[in-house]
Amino acid sequence: MSRAQVRVPTANAAQYLTQLCKHFGHKLEVEIGDGRGVIQFPEAKALLEAAPDALAIIVEAGDTATVERMQGVVERHLDRFAFREVPLQYNWSAA
């Protein structure tokens, strides 16, 4: 199992977590509640947690290539919701 994590600085973490989960929830299995969310992609999983100053994200998949691809998917969608704050800072690291 490969994993990558990032802490994206933003004062709107809870709002973005909700938007991401609701957006992906139209086609994917999603869990959301208490400032946390899980998005189950076909080949990966994204775990999200909102803090007052950042959105923490962990992406898990069976291989590194899939993790890297899913990092891009999450970033692109988050940037769409956070268009007033773009560019957000993504400094992914291995989890």
Protein backbone atom coordinates (compact mmCIF):
# COMPACT_ATOMS: atom_id res chain seq x y z
CA MET A 1 0.00 0.00 0.00
CA SER A 2 1.38 3.40 -1.02
CA ARG A 3 0.36 6.59 0.76
CA ALA A 4 0.98 10.31 0.42
CA GLN A 5 -0.13 13.10 2.71
CA VAL A 6 -0.41 16.85 2.57
CA ARG A 7 -1.56 19.66 4.82
CA VAL A 8 -3.06 22.45 2.68
CA PRO A 9 -3.12 25.80 4.50
CA THR A 10 -6.60 27.39 4.34
CA ALA A 11 -9.10 28.96 6.71
CA ASN A 12 -11.89 27.25 4.73
CA ALA A 13 -10.91 23.61 5.28
CA ALA A 14 -14.32 22.45 6.54
CA GLN A 15 -16.11 24.07 3.62
CA TYR A 16 -13.76 22.54 1.05
CA LEU A 17 -13.95 19.11 2.68
CA THR A 18 -17.75 19.22 2.43
CA GLN A 19 -17.66 20.42 -1.18
CA LEU A 20 -15.19 17.73 -2.24
CA CYS A 21 -17.17 14.96 -0.58
CA LYS A 22 -20.50 16.13 -1.98
CA HIS A 23 -19.01 16.55 -5.46
CA PHE A 24 -17.50 13.07 -5.56
CA GLY A 25 -20.49 11.62 -3.73
CA HIS A 26 -22.57 11.89 -6.90
CA LYS A 27 -20.62 8.97 -8.42
CA LEU A 28 -18.50 7.45 -5.65
CA GLU A 29 -18.90 6.08 -2.16
CA VAL A 30 -18.27 8.88 0.34
CA GLU A 31 -18.38 9.20 4.12
CA ILE A 32 -18.54 12.60 5.80
CA GLY A 33 -18.99 13.82 9.36
CA ASP A 34 -17.33 15.56 12.30
CA GLY A 35 -14.78 17.42 10.19
CA ARG A 36 -13.63 14.25 8.43
CA GLY A 37 -14.34 12.69 5.08
CA VAL A 38 -13.46 9.60 3.08
CA ILE A 39 -13.72 9.36 -0.70
CA GLN A 40 -13.48 5.84 -2.12
CA PHE A 41 -12.18 6.05 -5.69
CA PRO A 42 -12.09 2.87 -7.83
CA GLU A 43 -8.33 2.42 -7.29
CA ALA A 44 -7.62 4.67 -4.30
CA LYS A 45 -8.96 6.25 -1.15
CA ALA A 46 -8.72 9.86 0.02
CA LEU A 47 -8.95 10.62 3.73
CA LEU A 48 -9.66 14.24 4.61
CA GLU A 49 -9.64 16.10 7.91
CA ALA A 50 -10.47 19.76 8.43
CA ALA A 51 -8.58 21.86 10.97
CA PRO A 52 -9.10 25.57 11.62
CA ASP A 53 -6.03 26.46 9.56
CA ALA A 54 -5.61 23.61 7.05
CA LEU A 55 -7.11 20.66 5.22
CA ALA A 56 -5.17 17.45 5.82
CA ILE A 57 -5.38 14.88 3.02
CA ILE A 58 -4.04 11.33 2.79
CA VAL A 59 -4.25 9.41 -0.48
CA GLU A 60 -3.86 5.62 -0.34
CA ALA A 61 -3.56 3.21 -3.28
CA GLY A 62 -1.94 -0.06 -4.25
CA ASP A 63 0.99 1.56 -6.03
CA THR A 64 2.92 4.84 -6.18
CA ALA A 65 1.81 5.73 -9.71
CA THR A 66 -1.86 5.59 -8.71
CA VAL A 67 -1.18 7.68 -5.59
CA GLU A 68 0.57 10.32 -7.70
CA ARG A 69 -2.27 10.37 -10.24
CA MET A 70 -4.88 10.71 -7.49
CA GLN A 71 -2.92 13.54 -5.87
CA GLY A 72 -3.44 15.46 -9.10
CA VAL A 73 -7.16 14.63 -9.17
CA VAL A 74 -7.64 15.89 -5.61
CA GLU A 75 -5.58 19.02 -6.25
CA ARG A 76 -7.48 19.96 -9.42
CA HIS A 77 -10.86 19.57 -7.76
CA LEU A 78 -9.81 21.39 -4.59
CA ASP A 79 -8.39 24.26 -6.66
CA ARG A 80 -11.76 24.61 -8.42
CA PHE A 81 -13.56 25.02 -5.09
CA ALA A 82 -10.83 27.27 -3.68
CA PHE A 83 -10.55 29.53 -6.74
CA ARG A 84 -10.37 32.63 -4.51
CA GLU A 85 -7.28 31.22 -2.77
CA VAL A 86 -5.48 29.69 -5.74
CA PRO A 87 -2.71 28.81 -5.87
CA LEU A 88 -3.00 26.60 -2.80
CA GLN A 89 0.21 25.06 -1.55
CA TYR A 90 0.61 21.30 -1.94
CA ASN A 91 3.74 19.80 -0.41
CA TRP A 92 2.99 16.08 -0.57
CA SER A 93 5.12 13.65 1.39
CA ALA A 94 5.11 9.90 1.81
CA ALA A 95 2.88 8.79 4.67
